[in-house]
Amino acid sequence: MRRAASFLALGLSAATVAGLSACSDSEAPLGNSQWQVSAIYDSDVRGGLLPEAQQGRSYLIFGMESLNGASGCVHLTGNVEWKDESIHITDFSSSRIDGAQCLPGDEDTADRLKSVLNDQDLTYTRPSDNSLKLQQPAPEDKQDWQSVPAVEFISGPQEG
């Protein structure tokens, strides 16, 4: 029974990915890549790398005007405005995916993404061909030991 539930959840996740990929826009500055969340830097007292159980369960796809994604059993959406060297995300929201099995950390990861990304002018950089970093501006009074809120992503090889 547990194995059947796992396969059902995997099938629902795959269907969700296929459906959300259809919403992506190849004309968007980041193309139509699915960006897997690899790290969330939202606190100086908490590590940024996602726990092993969360890796591969959280991703975003950025279009010209919107984003879609998931954090395990949680569907993520938001509005996107592209600027010269930055992106502004508004109305970042999350909702449970019907029938999907949640794992510990799914909701926490969604909340952490929202805390870093929503209502911010984020700089975006591409440290390598398959990586992306969205980062809030550093506050003027930032100390050397403090980290700047950011999310790091990886993607697979470019198609075509």
N, C-alpha and C. Protein backbone atom coordinates (compact mmCIF):
# COMPACT_ATOMS: atom_id res chain seq x y z
N MET A 1 0.83 -1.19 0.00
CA MET A 1 0.00 0.00 0.00
C MET A 1 0.87 1.26 0.00
N ARG A 2 1.92 1.24 0.84
CA ARG A 2 2.81 2.39 0.92
C ARG A 2 3.50 2.63 -0.43
N ARG A 3 3.89 1.52 -1.08
CA ARG A 3 4.56 1.63 -2.37
C ARG A 3 3.61 2.22 -3.42
N ALA A 4 2.35 1.81 -3.40
CA ALA A 4 1.36 2.36 -4.34
C ALA A 4 1.17 3.85 -4.11
N ALA A 5 1.13 4.26 -2.84
CA ALA A 5 0.99 5.69 -2.53
C ALA A 5 2.19 6.47 -3.03
N SER A 6 3.38 5.88 -2.90
CA SER A 6 4.59 6.55 -3.39
C SER A 6 4.55 6.73 -4.90
N PHE A 7 4.11 5.67 -5.60
CA PHE A 7 4.02 5.77 -7.06
C PHE A 7 2.96 6.78 -7.47
N LEU A 8 1.84 6.84 -6.73
CA LEU A 8 0.80 7.82 -7.02
C LEU A 8 1.35 9.23 -6.85
N ALA A 9 2.07 9.47 -5.75
CA ALA A 9 2.65 10.80 -5.51
C ALA A 9 3.65 11.15 -6.59
N LEU A 10 4.48 10.17 -6.99
CA LEU A 10 5.46 10.40 -8.05
C LEU A 10 4.75 10.74 -9.36
N GLY A 11 3.67 10.01 -9.67
CA GLY A 11 2.91 10.29 -10.88
C GLY A 11 2.27 11.66 -10.86
N LEU A 12 1.72 12.05 -9.71
CA LEU A 12 1.13 13.38 -9.58
C LEU A 12 2.18 14.46 -9.74
N SER A 13 3.36 14.24 -9.16
CA SER A 13 4.45 15.22 -9.30
C SER A 13 4.85 15.36 -10.75
N ALA A 14 4.97 14.23 -11.46
CA ALA A 14 5.36 14.28 -12.87
C ALA A 14 4.30 15.00 -13.70
N ALA A 15 3.02 14.73 -13.40
CA ALA A 15 1.94 15.41 -14.12
C ALA A 15 1.96 16.90 -13.83
N THR A 16 2.25 17.26 -12.59
CA THR A 16 2.33 18.67 -12.22
C THR A 16 3.46 19.35 -12.97
N VAL A 17 4.64 18.69 -13.02
CA VAL A 17 5.78 19.25 -13.74
C VAL A 17 5.43 19.46 -15.20
N ALA A 18 4.81 18.46 -15.82
CA ALA A 18 4.45 18.59 -17.24
C ALA A 18 3.48 19.74 -17.44
N GLY A 19 2.50 19.85 -16.56
CA GLY A 19 1.52 20.94 -16.68
C GLY A 19 2.15 22.29 -16.46
N LEU A 20 3.04 22.40 -15.48
CA LEU A 20 3.67 23.68 -15.19
C LEU A 20 4.66 24.06 -16.27
N SER A 21 5.33 23.06 -16.86
CA SER A 21 6.28 23.37 -17.92
C SER A 21 5.57 24.02 -19.10
N ALA A 22 4.32 23.65 -19.31
CA ALA A 22 3.57 24.24 -20.40
C ALA A 22 3.33 25.72 -20.16
N CYS A 23 3.43 26.16 -18.90
CA CYS A 23 3.20 27.56 -18.56
C CYS A 23 4.46 28.40 -18.73
N SER A 24 5.60 27.76 -18.96
CA SER A 24 6.84 28.52 -19.06
C SER A 24 6.90 29.23 -20.40
N ASP A 25 7.82 30.15 -20.53
CA ASP A 25 7.91 31.00 -21.70
C ASP A 25 9.35 31.01 -22.17
N SER A 26 9.61 30.46 -23.36
CA SER A 26 10.99 30.39 -23.85
C SER A 26 11.56 31.77 -24.15
N GLU A 27 10.71 32.81 -24.24
CA GLU A 27 11.19 34.17 -24.47
C GLU A 27 11.59 34.88 -23.18
N ALA A 28 11.28 34.30 -22.04
CA ALA A 28 11.65 34.91 -20.76
C ALA A 28 13.17 34.92 -20.62
N PRO A 29 13.71 35.88 -19.86
CA PRO A 29 15.16 35.97 -19.72
C PRO A 29 15.84 34.69 -19.25
N LEU A 30 15.15 33.84 -18.53
CA LEU A 30 15.74 32.59 -18.07
C LEU A 30 15.29 31.40 -18.91
N GLY A 31 14.67 31.67 -20.06
CA GLY A 31 14.22 30.60 -20.93
C GLY A 31 13.10 29.79 -20.31
N ASN A 32 13.05 28.51 -20.66
CA ASN A 32 11.98 27.66 -20.13
C ASN A 32 12.53 26.59 -19.20
N SER A 33 13.63 26.87 -18.54
CA SER A 33 14.25 25.91 -17.64
C SER A 33 13.45 25.73 -16.36
N GLN A 34 13.49 24.52 -15.86
CA GLN A 34 12.96 24.24 -14.53
C GLN A 34 14.14 24.39 -13.58
N TRP A 35 14.06 25.33 -12.66
CA TRP A 35 15.15 25.65 -11.75
C TRP A 35 14.91 24.97 -10.40
N GLN A 36 15.74 23.97 -10.11
CA GLN A 36 15.64 23.24 -8.85
C GLN A 36 16.30 24.06 -7.75
N VAL A 37 15.59 24.23 -6.64
CA VAL A 37 16.13 24.99 -5.50
C VAL A 37 17.23 24.16 -4.84
N SER A 38 18.41 24.74 -4.71
CA SER A 38 19.51 24.03 -4.05
C SER A 38 19.86 24.63 -2.69
N ALA A 39 19.60 25.92 -2.51
CA ALA A 39 19.91 26.56 -1.22
C ALA A 39 19.01 27.78 -1.03
N ILE A 40 18.65 28.01 0.23
CA ILE A 40 17.88 29.20 0.61
C ILE A 40 18.61 29.85 1.77
N TYR A 41 19.11 31.06 1.55
CA TYR A 41 19.81 31.80 2.60
C TYR A 41 18.86 32.86 3.14
N ASP A 42 18.21 32.53 4.25
CA ASP A 42 17.21 33.43 4.81
C ASP A 42 17.46 33.75 6.27
N SER A 43 18.51 33.19 6.84
CA SER A 43 18.80 33.41 8.25
C SER A 43 20.28 33.17 8.50
N ASP A 44 20.84 33.98 9.38
CA ASP A 44 22.25 33.81 9.71
C ASP A 44 22.48 32.64 10.66
N VAL A 45 21.42 32.11 11.24
CA VAL A 45 21.56 31.01 12.20
C VAL A 45 21.13 29.67 11.63
N ARG A 46 20.68 29.65 10.40
CA ARG A 46 20.19 28.43 9.77
C ARG A 46 21.00 28.17 8.51
N GLY A 47 21.36 26.93 8.27
CA GLY A 47 22.10 26.59 7.06
C GLY A 47 21.29 26.84 5.81
N GLY A 48 21.96 27.11 4.72
CA GLY A 48 21.27 27.44 3.48
C GLY A 48 20.94 26.24 2.61
N LEU A 49 21.79 25.21 2.61
CA LEU A 49 21.54 24.06 1.75
C LEU A 49 20.28 23.33 2.20
N LEU A 50 19.48 22.92 1.23
CA LEU A 50 18.27 22.18 1.57
C LEU A 50 18.64 20.81 2.12
N PRO A 51 17.86 20.30 3.08
CA PRO A 51 18.09 18.95 3.58
C PRO A 51 17.97 17.93 2.45
N GLU A 52 18.66 16.82 2.60
CA GLU A 52 18.68 15.81 1.55
C GLU A 52 17.28 15.39 1.11
N ALA A 53 16.36 15.25 2.06
CA ALA A 53 14.99 14.83 1.73
C ALA A 53 14.26 15.87 0.87
N GLN A 54 14.67 17.13 0.91
CA GLN A 54 14.01 18.19 0.14
C GLN A 54 14.64 18.40 -1.23
N GLN A 55 15.86 17.95 -1.42
CA GLN A 55 16.53 18.17 -2.69
C GLN A 55 15.77 17.47 -3.81
N GLY A 56 15.51 18.18 -4.87
CA GLY A 56 14.78 17.64 -6.00
C GLY A 56 13.27 17.77 -5.88
N ARG A 57 12.76 18.20 -4.73
CA ARG A 57 11.32 18.36 -4.54
C ARG A 57 10.86 19.80 -4.74
N SER A 58 11.80 20.74 -4.81
CA SER A 58 11.44 22.16 -4.88
C SER A 58 12.04 22.78 -6.14
N TYR A 59 11.20 23.44 -6.93
CA TYR A 59 11.67 24.06 -8.17
C TYR A 59 10.75 25.21 -8.55
N LEU A 60 11.27 26.08 -9.41
CA LEU A 60 10.49 27.17 -9.99
C LEU A 60 10.76 27.24 -11.49
N ILE A 61 9.75 27.67 -12.23
CA ILE A 61 9.86 27.94 -13.66
C ILE A 61 9.44 29.39 -13.85
N PHE A 62 10.32 30.22 -14.43
CA PHE A 62 10.07 31.65 -14.57
C PHE A 62 9.64 31.97 -15.99
N GLY A 63 8.48 32.59 -16.15
CA GLY A 63 8.01 33.06 -17.44
C GLY A 63 8.19 34.57 -17.54
N MET A 64 7.63 35.17 -18.58
CA MET A 64 7.75 36.62 -18.76
C MET A 64 6.98 37.39 -17.69
N GLU A 65 5.83 36.87 -17.27
CA GLU A 65 4.99 37.60 -16.32
C GLU A 65 4.63 36.81 -15.07
N SER A 66 5.00 35.54 -15.02
CA SER A 66 4.61 34.73 -13.87
C SER A 66 5.65 33.65 -13.61
N LEU A 67 5.52 33.05 -12.43
CA LEU A 67 6.34 31.89 -12.10
C LEU A 67 5.41 30.81 -11.57
N ASN A 68 5.83 29.57 -11.76
CA ASN A 68 5.12 28.40 -11.26
C ASN A 68 6.15 27.45 -10.72
N GLY A 69 5.75 26.61 -9.80
CA GLY A 69 6.66 25.62 -9.28
C GLY A 69 6.02 24.81 -8.19
N ALA A 70 6.86 24.12 -7.44
CA ALA A 70 6.38 23.30 -6.34
C ALA A 70 7.46 23.15 -5.30
N SER A 71 7.01 22.88 -4.10
CA SER A 71 7.87 22.45 -3.01
C SER A 71 7.23 21.18 -2.48
N GLY A 72 7.54 20.06 -3.13
CA GLY A 72 6.92 18.80 -2.77
C GLY A 72 5.43 18.84 -3.04
N CYS A 73 4.62 18.82 -1.98
CA CYS A 73 3.16 18.79 -2.12
C CYS A 73 2.54 20.18 -2.21
N VAL A 74 3.37 21.21 -2.29
CA VAL A 74 2.89 22.59 -2.28
C VAL A 74 3.13 23.24 -3.65
N HIS A 75 2.06 23.73 -4.27
CA HIS A 75 2.15 24.44 -5.55
C HIS A 75 2.52 25.89 -5.28
N LEU A 76 3.44 26.43 -6.06
CA LEU A 76 3.92 27.80 -5.89
C LEU A 76 3.60 28.62 -7.13
N THR A 77 3.12 29.84 -6.94
CA THR A 77 2.85 30.75 -8.05
C THR A 77 3.24 32.17 -7.65
N GLY A 78 3.42 33.02 -8.64
CA GLY A 78 3.71 34.42 -8.37
C GLY A 78 3.75 35.21 -9.66
N ASN A 79 3.77 36.52 -9.52
CA ASN A 79 3.89 37.42 -10.67
C ASN A 79 5.33 37.90 -10.76
N VAL A 80 5.79 38.09 -11.99
CA VAL A 80 7.18 38.45 -12.25
C VAL A 80 7.24 39.71 -13.10
N GLU A 81 8.12 40.62 -12.74
CA GLU A 81 8.42 41.78 -13.57
C GLU A 81 9.93 41.81 -13.77
N TRP A 82 10.35 41.72 -15.03
CA TRP A 82 11.77 41.73 -15.37
C TRP A 82 12.25 43.17 -15.52
N LYS A 83 13.41 43.46 -14.96
CA LYS A 83 14.04 44.77 -15.11
C LYS A 83 15.42 44.53 -15.72
N ASP A 84 16.23 45.58 -15.90
CA ASP A 84 17.53 45.44 -16.56
C ASP A 84 18.36 44.29 -15.99
N GLU A 85 18.71 44.37 -14.74
CA GLU A 85 19.56 43.37 -14.11
C GLU A 85 18.87 42.73 -12.91
N SER A 86 17.56 42.88 -12.83
CA SER A 86 16.86 42.35 -11.66
C SER A 86 15.49 41.81 -12.04
N ILE A 87 14.88 41.19 -11.08
CA ILE A 87 13.54 40.63 -11.22
C ILE A 87 12.76 41.04 -9.97
N HIS A 88 11.50 41.41 -10.15
CA HIS A 88 10.64 41.76 -9.02
C HIS A 88 9.50 40.75 -9.00
N ILE A 89 9.36 40.04 -7.87
CA ILE A 89 8.33 39.02 -7.72
C ILE A 89 7.28 39.51 -6.73
N THR A 90 6.01 39.42 -7.13
CA THR A 90 4.91 39.81 -6.24
C THR A 90 3.89 38.68 -6.18
N ASP A 91 3.01 38.77 -5.22
CA ASP A 91 1.91 37.81 -5.07
C ASP A 91 2.38 36.36 -5.05
N PHE A 92 3.55 36.13 -4.44
CA PHE A 92 4.06 34.77 -4.29
C PHE A 92 3.13 34.03 -3.34
N SER A 93 2.55 32.95 -3.80
CA SER A 93 1.61 32.22 -2.95
C SER A 93 1.83 30.72 -3.07
N SER A 94 1.28 30.01 -2.11
CA SER A 94 1.41 28.56 -2.09
C SER A 94 0.06 27.94 -1.74
N SER A 95 -0.16 26.74 -2.27
CA SER A 95 -1.38 25.99 -1.97
C SER A 95 -1.06 24.50 -2.09
N ARG A 96 -1.76 23.70 -1.32
CA ARG A 96 -1.54 22.25 -1.35
C ARG A 96 -1.98 21.69 -2.70
N ILE A 97 -1.22 20.73 -3.21
CA ILE A 97 -1.57 20.01 -4.43
C ILE A 97 -2.47 18.85 -4.01
N ASP A 98 -3.69 18.83 -4.53
CA ASP A 98 -4.65 17.77 -4.17
C ASP A 98 -4.06 16.39 -4.43
N GLY A 99 -4.14 15.53 -3.43
CA GLY A 99 -3.71 14.15 -3.57
C GLY A 99 -2.22 13.92 -3.43
N ALA A 100 -1.43 14.97 -3.36
CA ALA A 100 0.02 14.79 -3.24
C ALA A 100 0.39 14.51 -1.79
N GLN A 101 1.37 13.64 -1.61
CA GLN A 101 1.82 13.29 -0.27
C GLN A 101 2.90 14.27 0.17
N CYS A 102 2.67 14.89 1.32
CA CYS A 102 3.65 15.84 1.86
C CYS A 102 4.74 15.12 2.63
N LEU A 103 5.92 15.66 2.57
CA LEU A 103 7.04 15.21 3.40
C LEU A 103 7.38 16.34 4.35
N PRO A 104 7.99 16.01 5.49
CA PRO A 104 8.43 17.09 6.39
C PRO A 104 9.34 18.06 5.63
N GLY A 105 9.07 19.32 5.76
CA GLY A 105 9.89 20.33 5.11
C GLY A 105 9.26 20.95 3.87
N ASP A 106 8.24 20.33 3.28
CA ASP A 106 7.64 20.89 2.07
C ASP A 106 7.09 22.30 2.33
N GLU A 107 6.27 22.44 3.38
CA GLU A 107 5.68 23.74 3.69
C GLU A 107 6.75 24.73 4.15
N ASP A 108 7.71 24.26 4.94
CA ASP A 108 8.78 25.13 5.43
C ASP A 108 9.59 25.70 4.27
N THR A 109 9.92 24.86 3.30
CA THR A 109 10.68 25.33 2.14
C THR A 109 9.87 26.37 1.37
N ALA A 110 8.57 26.13 1.18
CA ALA A 110 7.71 27.10 0.48
C ALA A 110 7.70 28.43 1.23
N ASP A 111 7.58 28.37 2.56
CA ASP A 111 7.57 29.60 3.37
C ASP A 111 8.90 30.33 3.28
N ARG A 112 10.00 29.59 3.29
CA ARG A 112 11.33 30.21 3.19
C ARG A 112 11.52 30.88 1.83
N LEU A 113 11.07 30.22 0.76
CA LEU A 113 11.15 30.83 -0.57
C LEU A 113 10.37 32.13 -0.61
N LYS A 114 9.16 32.11 -0.06
CA LYS A 114 8.34 33.31 -0.05
C LYS A 114 9.02 34.43 0.73
N SER A 115 9.63 34.12 1.86
CA SER A 115 10.25 35.16 2.69
C SER A 115 11.42 35.84 1.97
N VAL A 116 12.11 35.11 1.12
CA VAL A 116 13.25 35.70 0.40
C VAL A 116 12.82 36.37 -0.90
N LEU A 117 11.89 35.76 -1.62
CA LEU A 117 11.58 36.21 -2.98
C LEU A 117 10.44 37.22 -3.10
N ASN A 118 9.44 37.16 -2.24
CA ASN A 118 8.25 37.98 -2.44
C ASN A 118 8.49 39.45 -2.13
N ASP A 119 7.97 40.30 -3.02
CA ASP A 119 8.04 41.76 -2.87
C ASP A 119 9.46 42.30 -2.72
N GLN A 120 10.35 41.78 -3.54
CA GLN A 120 11.75 42.20 -3.50
C GLN A 120 12.24 42.50 -4.91
N ASP A 121 13.16 43.46 -5.02
CA ASP A 121 13.92 43.64 -6.26
C ASP A 121 15.15 42.77 -6.11
N LEU A 122 15.19 41.66 -6.82
CA LEU A 122 16.25 40.67 -6.68
C LEU A 122 17.21 40.76 -7.85
N THR A 123 18.50 40.79 -7.57
CA THR A 123 19.46 40.68 -8.66
C THR A 123 19.53 39.21 -9.05
N TYR A 124 19.70 38.97 -10.34
CA TYR A 124 19.88 37.59 -10.76
C TYR A 124 21.21 37.46 -11.47
N THR A 125 21.94 36.43 -11.08
CA THR A 125 23.24 36.14 -11.67
C THR A 125 23.26 34.67 -12.08
N ARG A 126 24.11 34.38 -13.05
CA ARG A 126 24.29 33.01 -13.54
C ARG A 126 25.74 32.62 -13.29
N PRO A 127 26.06 32.09 -12.09
CA PRO A 127 27.44 31.71 -11.78
C PRO A 127 28.01 30.68 -12.75
N SER A 128 27.15 29.85 -13.35
CA SER A 128 27.56 28.91 -14.39
C SER A 128 26.36 28.67 -15.30
N ASP A 129 26.57 27.91 -16.38
CA ASP A 129 25.49 27.68 -17.34
C ASP A 129 24.25 27.04 -16.72
N ASN A 130 24.45 26.21 -15.70
CA ASN A 130 23.31 25.51 -15.12
C ASN A 130 22.99 25.98 -13.70
N SER A 131 23.38 27.20 -13.36
CA SER A 131 23.06 27.71 -12.02
C SER A 131 22.51 29.13 -12.11
N LEU A 132 21.73 29.47 -11.10
CA LEU A 132 21.07 30.77 -11.00
C LEU A 132 21.06 31.18 -9.54
N LYS A 133 21.27 32.48 -9.29
CA LYS A 133 21.18 33.00 -7.93
C LYS A 133 20.31 34.25 -7.96
N LEU A 134 19.28 34.27 -7.12
CA LEU A 134 18.44 35.45 -6.91
C LEU A 134 18.75 35.97 -5.53
N GLN A 135 19.13 37.26 -5.45
CA GLN A 135 19.60 37.81 -4.18
C GLN A 135 18.99 39.18 -3.91
N GLN A 136 18.58 39.39 -2.66
CA GLN A 136 18.10 40.69 -2.23
C GLN A 136 19.28 41.66 -2.16
N PRO A 137 19.03 42.96 -2.26
CA PRO A 137 20.11 43.93 -2.08
C PRO A 137 20.65 43.85 -0.64
N ALA A 138 21.94 44.06 -0.49
CA ALA A 138 22.54 44.05 0.85
C ALA A 138 22.16 45.32 1.59
N PRO A 139 21.72 45.21 2.84
CA PRO A 139 21.42 46.41 3.61
C PRO A 139 22.69 47.22 3.87
N GLU A 140 22.54 48.53 3.99
CA GLU A 140 23.71 49.39 4.19
C GLU A 140 24.46 49.06 5.48
N ASP A 141 23.74 48.60 6.49
CA ASP A 141 24.37 48.32 7.79
C ASP A 141 24.77 46.85 7.94
N LYS A 142 24.87 46.12 6.84
CA LYS A 142 25.23 44.71 6.88
C LYS A 142 26.64 44.52 7.44
N GLN A 143 26.77 43.58 8.36
CA GLN A 143 28.06 43.22 8.93
C GLN A 143 28.67 42.09 8.09
N ASP A 144 29.99 41.94 8.14
CA ASP A 144 30.66 40.91 7.35
C ASP A 144 30.16 39.50 7.66
N TRP A 145 29.75 39.24 8.88
CA TRP A 145 29.31 37.91 9.27
C TRP A 145 27.87 37.62 8.85
N GLN A 146 27.16 38.63 8.39
CA GLN A 146 25.76 38.45 8.00
C GLN A 146 25.66 38.05 6.53
N SER A 147 24.72 37.15 6.25
CA SER A 147 24.49 36.78 4.86
C SER A 147 23.34 37.62 4.31
N VAL A 148 23.33 37.79 3.01
CA VAL A 148 22.27 38.52 2.33
C VAL A 148 21.24 37.47 1.87
N PRO A 149 19.96 37.70 2.14
CA PRO A 149 18.95 36.72 1.72
C PRO A 149 19.04 36.43 0.22
N ALA A 150 19.05 35.13 -0.11
CA ALA A 150 19.21 34.70 -1.49
C ALA A 150 18.68 33.28 -1.66
N VAL A 151 18.41 32.93 -2.91
CA VAL A 151 18.04 31.56 -3.27
C VAL A 151 18.95 31.15 -4.42
N GLU A 152 19.51 29.94 -4.32
CA GLU A 152 20.34 29.39 -5.39
C GLU A 152 19.61 28.22 -6.03
N PHE A 153 19.78 28.11 -7.35
CA PHE A 153 19.10 27.09 -8.14
C PHE A 153 20.10 26.39 -9.05
N ILE A 154 19.75 25.18 -9.47
CA ILE A 154 20.47 24.48 -10.52
C ILE A 154 19.45 23.99 -11.54
N SER A 155 19.91 23.75 -12.76
CA SER A 155 19.04 23.19 -13.79
C SER A 155 19.83 22.15 -14.56
N GLY A 156 19.12 21.37 -15.35
CA GLY A 156 19.78 20.38 -16.18
C GLY A 156 20.40 21.04 -17.40
N PRO A 157 21.01 20.24 -18.27
CA PRO A 157 21.62 20.80 -19.48
C PRO A 157 20.57 21.44 -20.38
N GLN A 158 20.98 22.46 -21.10
CA GLN A 158 20.08 23.15 -22.03
C GLN A 158 19.74 22.23 -23.19
N GLU A 159 18.47 22.24 -23.58
CA GLU A 159 18.03 21.42 -24.71
C GLU A 159 18.13 22.21 -26.00
N GLY A 160 18.30 21.48 -27.08
CA GLY A 160 18.24 22.09 -28.40
C GLY A 160 19.50 22.67 -28.78
